[in-house]
């Protein structure tokens, strides 16, 4: 990647415009991470009481209230789509970070947004 300090103001603005134009489908933005866990059901006499747990099951771990994470169970048919959404969100974060870096460089040069 070219150093931002090596680019002209015009090139910086053009790059920022291209990056912003590529931010499609932000409506599906999703943050969190996938977690696979095995569980005990709590029924007396079940095989899980002896350590043979149920699962593994896939959950989406997202920030919850009071700093405690929230775990959302994902049925098998949702794991791939949610994985795609998380990957897309990572790409969006990277683009936003680059746009912020461009805006910072423009500010250092005392250029208006």
Protein backbone atom coordinates (compact mmCIF):
# COMPACT_ATOMS: atom_id res chain seq x y z
CA UNK A 1 0.00 0.00 0.00
CA UNK A 2 1.26 3.48 -0.86
CA UNK A 3 2.04 5.68 2.10
CA UNK A 4 -0.67 8.29 2.49
CA UNK A 5 1.97 10.97 3.03
CA UNK A 6 3.25 10.29 -0.51
CA UNK A 7 -0.12 11.03 -2.12
CA UNK A 8 -1.38 14.40 -3.26
CA UNK A 9 -4.49 15.91 -1.70
CA UNK A 10 -6.36 15.15 -4.91
CA UNK A 11 -5.23 11.51 -4.83
CA UNK A 12 -6.19 11.21 -1.16
CA UNK A 13 -9.69 12.51 -1.84
CA UNK A 14 -10.07 10.20 -4.87
CA UNK A 15 -8.97 7.21 -2.84
CA UNK A 16 -11.37 8.11 -0.03
CA UNK A 17 -14.21 8.44 -2.57
CA UNK A 18 -13.41 4.99 -4.06
CA UNK A 19 -13.27 3.41 -0.62
CA UNK A 20 -16.58 4.97 0.46
CA UNK A 21 -18.25 3.89 -2.79
CA UNK A 22 -17.20 0.30 -2.09
CA UNK A 23 -19.01 0.23 1.25
CA UNK A 24 -21.99 -1.74 0.09
CA UNK A 25 -24.46 -3.76 2.07
CA UNK A 26 -23.78 -2.10 5.42
CA UNK A 27 -27.32 -3.03 6.42
CA UNK A 28 -26.09 -6.54 7.16
CA UNK A 29 -23.29 -5.32 9.43
CA UNK A 30 -22.79 -7.74 12.30
CA UNK A 31 -20.21 -7.70 15.08
CA UNK A 32 -19.25 -10.52 17.33
CA UNK A 33 -17.51 -13.86 17.04
CA UNK A 34 -18.57 -17.43 16.60
CA UNK A 35 -18.16 -19.78 19.55
CA UNK A 36 -18.68 -23.55 19.60
CA UNK A 37 -19.76 -25.04 22.91
CA UNK A 38 -21.00 -28.33 24.26
CA UNK A 39 -23.67 -28.27 26.95
CA UNK A 40 -25.30 -30.21 29.77
CA UNK A 41 -29.08 -30.36 29.61
CA UNK A 42 -29.59 -30.80 33.35
CA UNK A 43 -31.91 -33.80 33.11
CA UNK A 44 -31.11 -36.43 35.73
CA UNK A 45 -30.02 -39.69 34.16
CA UNK A 46 -28.95 -38.10 30.84
CA UNK A 47 -25.58 -39.11 29.40
CA UNK A 48 -24.39 -35.54 29.78
CA UNK A 49 -24.37 -35.92 33.57
CA UNK A 50 -21.44 -38.34 33.17
CA UNK A 51 -19.50 -35.92 30.96
CA UNK A 52 -20.73 -36.84 27.46
CA UNK A 53 -22.03 -33.37 26.62
CA UNK A 54 -24.58 -32.40 23.96
CA UNK A 55 -23.31 -30.58 20.90
CA UNK A 56 -21.12 -28.88 20.01
CA UNK A 57 -23.45 -26.01 19.19
CA UNK A 58 -22.55 -22.74 17.50
CA UNK A 59 -23.29 -19.39 19.13
CA UNK A 60 -22.71 -15.80 18.16
CA UNK A 61 -21.05 -13.98 21.03
CA UNK A 62 -21.92 -10.27 21.05
CA UNK A 63 -21.48 -7.53 23.64
CA UNK A 64 -24.44 -7.45 25.99
CA UNK A 65 -25.63 -5.11 28.68
CA UNK A 66 -23.50 -4.34 31.73
CA UNK A 67 -20.40 -5.60 29.95
CA UNK A 68 -21.60 -9.19 30.01
CA UNK A 69 -21.47 -11.00 26.65
CA UNK A 70 -24.64 -12.29 25.09
CA UNK A 71 -24.66 -15.70 23.41
CA UNK A 72 -27.12 -16.23 20.56
CA UNK A 73 -27.68 -19.81 19.43
CA UNK A 74 -27.23 -20.31 15.68
CA UNK A 75 -29.00 -23.18 13.97
CA UNK A 76 -26.76 -25.00 11.48
CA UNK A 77 -28.41 -23.33 8.47
CA UNK A 78 -27.46 -19.87 9.80
CA UNK A 79 -23.78 -20.54 10.56
CA UNK A 80 -22.52 -19.92 6.99
CA UNK A 81 -24.57 -16.75 6.38
CA UNK A 82 -23.55 -15.30 9.76
CA UNK A 83 -19.90 -16.19 9.06
CA UNK A 84 -20.21 -14.25 5.79
CA UNK A 85 -21.71 -11.27 7.60
CA UNK A 86 -18.89 -11.28 10.17
CA UNK A 87 -16.27 -11.46 7.40
CA UNK A 88 -17.94 -8.59 5.52
CA UNK A 89 -18.04 -6.55 8.72
CA UNK A 90 -14.29 -7.07 9.13
CA UNK A 91 -13.72 -5.76 5.61
CA UNK A 92 -15.95 -2.75 6.34
CA UNK A 93 -13.95 -2.03 9.50
CA UNK A 94 -10.72 -2.11 7.48
CA UNK A 95 -12.14 0.32 4.88
CA UNK A 96 -13.40 2.68 7.60
CA UNK A 97 -9.97 2.61 9.25
CA UNK A 98 -8.34 3.58 5.95
CA UNK A 99 -10.86 6.38 5.37
CA UNK A 100 -10.13 7.67 8.89
CA UNK A 101 -6.38 7.56 8.15
CA UNK A 102 -6.94 9.56 4.95
CA UNK A 103 -9.04 12.11 6.83
CA UNK A 104 -6.30 12.37 9.46
CA UNK A 105 -3.68 12.97 6.76
CA UNK A 106 -5.86 15.66 5.20
CA UNK A 107 -6.26 17.29 8.60
CA UNK A 108 -2.47 17.24 9.16
CA UNK A 109 -2.17 19.11 5.85
CA UNK A 110 -4.83 21.58 7.02
CA UNK A 111 -7.10 20.58 4.16
CA UNK A 112 -10.87 20.78 4.60
CA UNK A 113 -12.77 17.49 4.51
